[in-house]
Structure formats: C-alpha cells, structure tokens
Amino acid sequence: MKTELKTEYYISTDKAKLDIAMLHGFLSQSYWSPSIPLETLQRAIENSICFGAFHHSGAQIGFARVVSDKATFAYLADVFVLPAFRGKGISNLIMEAYTNHPELQRLRRHMLVTRDAHGLYKKFGFTEAKNPENLMQKHYPDVYKQ
C-alpha cells in the first residue's frame, strides 16, 4: 500500500522499508515510550500493521502502527512526524492511509491515547470517550526503565 502527497511524500506499509534505528531513536525519547528497548520496539513492529511516512528521497520521516485483531478492534499507537517535516500535511497522509487500510474496515472500535493531537484525530472521526469512567487500564509507565 502506497499513498502520495504531491509525490514529495508517501506512506508505505512495507515493514522492510522501516528505518528501525530512526524509529527507536525517536520513540525512546518520546513522552509515551521513554527508554523503550530496541527489542521491544522490534517485537511491536513485527506484531502490528505499520505505516511509514517517507520523503521521495527514501528517508523515513514519520510513522504509525496499529494493533488489531482485524475483525473488531484497532489501537492506533506511536504516531509521529519528525520535527523538520511537521506542518506539511504528513500526519494527515498517515491518518488517511490508516483510515483507508483494507484490513481496518468495519471494525467496531478504534482507540488511541494522545496528549496533544486531539485536533488531528477529530478530523478522522475520533472523539473523546463518552463514558471514560467505563475505561480501565493496567498502566506501567516505568516498565522500560531498569
């Protein structure tokens, strides 16, 4: 699957194209997965549908991954665009690829957690949980720290 924006940027679901070193460098410094071990990230990628955002030069500039049973539920995670490429519509391109992915159609629920990108996700149909008191979690924010 490949989606293009003015041919300067494109999205690919080909995991072989992913720049694992760049992904690990960014995600291990992010607020949502600080210090994530490389092996953990590799296993997460292996078990997810991944969307790489690329510049026409071939350099990876963004990412998202989805955990799903491909029948009823999807969890969108690790969405980012490198700072130098923000404001160019690349996050919208990633979200369009996610929204249109054939294995993610007709699911009952799509979920994500965000601290600061509510506006982006609302454009693609996400809303705040109507009954957040019904949501439960087991959260271990320091699991990657040794």
Foldseek 3Di string as FASTA:
>chain_A
DWDDDVLQKIKDQPPVLDPLVVLCVVQCVDPQHPLADSVNVVVQSVQWRKIFMAGNVSDTFWIKTWHDPLAAEIEIDDGDGHPVPPPVCRSVNRLVCVLPPPSNPPHNDYYYDDDPPVVSVVVVPDDPDPCVVPDDDDDDRCVNPD
